[in-house]
Amino acid sequence: MSVDPCVDEIDELDVRILLLMRDGFADAAIARKVTLGHRTIQRRISGMMDAFGVCGRFALGLKVAELGLLDLAEAMM
């Protein structure tokens, strides 16, 4: 069981996107790294913001950090 129900909605691609966001990559650079379209990345980020109930990338980053989601993901890699 997850710490937060919205964590269950986040898949491996979302985690990769979050890691790249954390590392300072812009949406277009993330799209190139994961070989998807720029708009697809924007939609994925928007979907994560909806899932976590936050408005904006900064708030998404804070929520993800609060939950320790990326620490957990990196430990599993």
C-alpha atoms as a PDB file:
ATOM      1  CA  MET A   1       0.000   0.000   0.000  1.00  0.00           C
ATOM      2  CA  SER A   2       1.271   3.472  -0.898  1.00  0.00           C
ATOM      3  CA  VAL A   3       1.844   6.366   1.438  1.00  0.00           C
ATOM      4  CA  ASP A   4      -0.585   8.451  -0.597  1.00  0.00           C
ATOM      5  CA  PRO A   5      -3.292   7.061  -2.918  1.00  0.00           C
ATOM      6  CA  CYS A   6      -2.176   9.311  -5.789  1.00  0.00           C
ATOM      7  CA  VAL A   7       1.221   7.571  -5.808  1.00  0.00           C
ATOM      8  CA  ASP A   8      -0.520   4.520  -7.286  1.00  0.00           C
ATOM      9  CA  GLU A   9      -1.318   6.590 -10.400  1.00  0.00           C
ATOM     10  CA  ILE A  10       2.362   7.347 -11.080  1.00  0.00           C
ATOM     11  CA  ASP A  11       4.109   4.938 -13.443  1.00  0.00           C
ATOM     12  CA  GLU A  12       7.748   4.369 -14.385  1.00  0.00           C
ATOM     13  CA  LEU A  13       7.662   7.007 -17.134  1.00  0.00           C
ATOM     14  CA  ASP A  14       6.282   9.581 -14.699  1.00  0.00           C
ATOM     15  CA  VAL A  15       9.113   8.813 -12.294  1.00  0.00           C
ATOM     16  CA  ARG A  16      11.661   9.299 -15.106  1.00  0.00           C
ATOM     17  CA  ILE A  17      10.033  12.622 -15.960  1.00  0.00           C
ATOM     18  CA  LEU A  18      10.091  13.702 -12.304  1.00  0.00           C
ATOM     19  CA  LEU A  19      13.767  12.775 -11.988  1.00  0.00           C
ATOM     20  CA  LEU A  20      14.609  14.811 -15.077  1.00  0.00           C
ATOM     21  CA  MET A  21      12.536  17.738 -13.794  1.00  0.00           C
ATOM     22  CA  ARG A  22      14.422  17.540 -10.507  1.00  0.00           C
ATOM     23  CA  ASP A  23      17.677  17.648 -12.441  1.00  0.00           C
ATOM     24  CA  GLY A  24      16.570  20.905 -14.089  1.00  0.00           C
ATOM     25  CA  PHE A  25      15.618  19.723 -17.559  1.00  0.00           C
ATOM     26  CA  ALA A  26      12.993  21.701 -19.469  1.00  0.00           C
ATOM     27  CA  ASP A  27      10.000  19.930 -21.004  1.00  0.00           C
ATOM     28  CA  ALA A  28      11.542  19.883 -24.495  1.00  0.00           C
ATOM     29  CA  ALA A  29      14.771  18.339 -23.191  1.00  0.00           C
ATOM     30  CA  ILE A  30      12.809  15.759 -21.197  1.00  0.00           C
ATOM     31  CA  ALA A  31      10.873  14.887 -24.357  1.00  0.00           C
ATOM     32  CA  ARG A  32      14.112  14.279 -26.246  1.00  0.00           C
ATOM     33  CA  LYS A  33      15.557  12.148 -23.444  1.00  0.00           C
ATOM     34  CA  VAL A  34      12.513   9.877 -23.185  1.00  0.00           C
ATOM     35  CA  THR A  35      11.826  10.001 -26.951  1.00  0.00           C
ATOM     36  CA  LEU A  36       8.313  11.395 -26.689  1.00  0.00           C
ATOM     37  CA  GLY A  37       6.727  14.583 -27.942  1.00  0.00           C
ATOM     38  CA  HIS A  38       7.016  17.859 -26.061  1.00  0.00           C
ATOM     39  CA  ARG A  39       3.227  18.114 -25.704  1.00  0.00           C
ATOM     40  CA  THR A  40       3.061  14.542 -24.364  1.00  0.00           C
ATOM     41  CA  ILE A  41       5.482  15.492 -21.599  1.00  0.00           C
ATOM     42  CA  GLN A  42       3.401  18.564 -20.772  1.00  0.00           C
ATOM     43  CA  ARG A  43       0.271  16.407 -20.561  1.00  0.00           C
ATOM     44  CA  ARG A  44       2.025  13.869 -18.313  1.00  0.00           C
ATOM     45  CA  ILE A  45       3.206  16.631 -15.967  1.00  0.00           C
ATOM     46  CA  SER A  46      -0.286  18.139 -15.926  1.00  0.00           C
ATOM     47  CA  GLY A  47      -1.731  14.711 -15.130  1.00  0.00           C
ATOM     48  CA  MET A  48       0.687  14.302 -12.225  1.00  0.00           C
ATOM     49  CA  MET A  49      -0.291  17.726 -10.887  1.00  0.00           C
ATOM     50  CA  ASP A  50      -3.948  16.666 -11.046  1.00  0.00           C
ATOM     51  CA  ALA A  51      -3.189  13.325  -9.371  1.00  0.00           C
ATOM     52  CA  PHE A  52      -1.352  15.020  -6.508  1.00  0.00           C
ATOM     53  CA  GLY A  53      -3.899  17.832  -6.253  1.00  0.00           C
ATOM     54  CA  VAL A  54      -1.388  20.635  -6.778  1.00  0.00           C
ATOM     55  CA  CYS A  55      -1.148  23.652  -9.062  1.00  0.00           C
ATOM     56  CA  GLY A  56       2.195  24.209 -10.718  1.00  0.00           C
ATOM     57  CA  ARG A  57       5.482  22.433 -11.196  1.00  0.00           C
ATOM     58  CA  PHE A  58       7.001  23.831  -8.026  1.00  0.00           C
ATOM     59  CA  ALA A  59       4.114  22.534  -5.915  1.00  0.00           C
ATOM     60  CA  LEU A  60       4.427  19.162  -7.666  1.00  0.00           C
ATOM     61  CA  GLY A  61       8.107  19.038  -6.757  1.00  0.00           C
ATOM     62  CA  LEU A  62       7.344  19.881  -3.139  1.00  0.00           C
ATOM     63  CA  LYS A  63       4.660  17.195  -2.915  1.00  0.00           C
ATOM     64  CA  VAL A  64       6.893  14.557  -4.503  1.00  0.00           C
ATOM     65  CA  ALA A  65       9.724  15.495  -2.115  1.00  0.00           C
ATOM     66  CA  GLU A  66       7.357  15.438   0.867  1.00  0.00           C
ATOM     67  CA  LEU A  67       6.326  11.890  -0.020  1.00  0.00           C
ATOM     68  CA  GLY A  68       9.916  10.813  -0.688  1.00  0.00           C
ATOM     69  CA  LEU A  69       8.786   9.384  -4.010  1.00  0.00           C
ATOM     70  CA  LEU A  70      12.030   9.963  -5.893  1.00  0.00           C
ATOM     71  CA  ASP A  71      14.181   8.672  -3.047  1.00  0.00           C
ATOM     72  CA  LEU A  72      12.150   5.473  -3.095  1.00  0.00           C
ATOM     73  CA  ALA A  73      12.353   5.247  -6.892  1.00  0.00           C
ATOM     74  CA  GLU A  74      16.128   5.697  -6.911  1.00  0.00           C
ATOM     75  CA  ALA A  75      16.536   3.055  -4.209  1.00  0.00           C
ATOM     76  CA  MET A  76      14.625   0.592  -6.401  1.00  0.00           C
ATOM     77  CA  MET A  77      16.783   1.268  -9.511  1.00  0.00           C
END
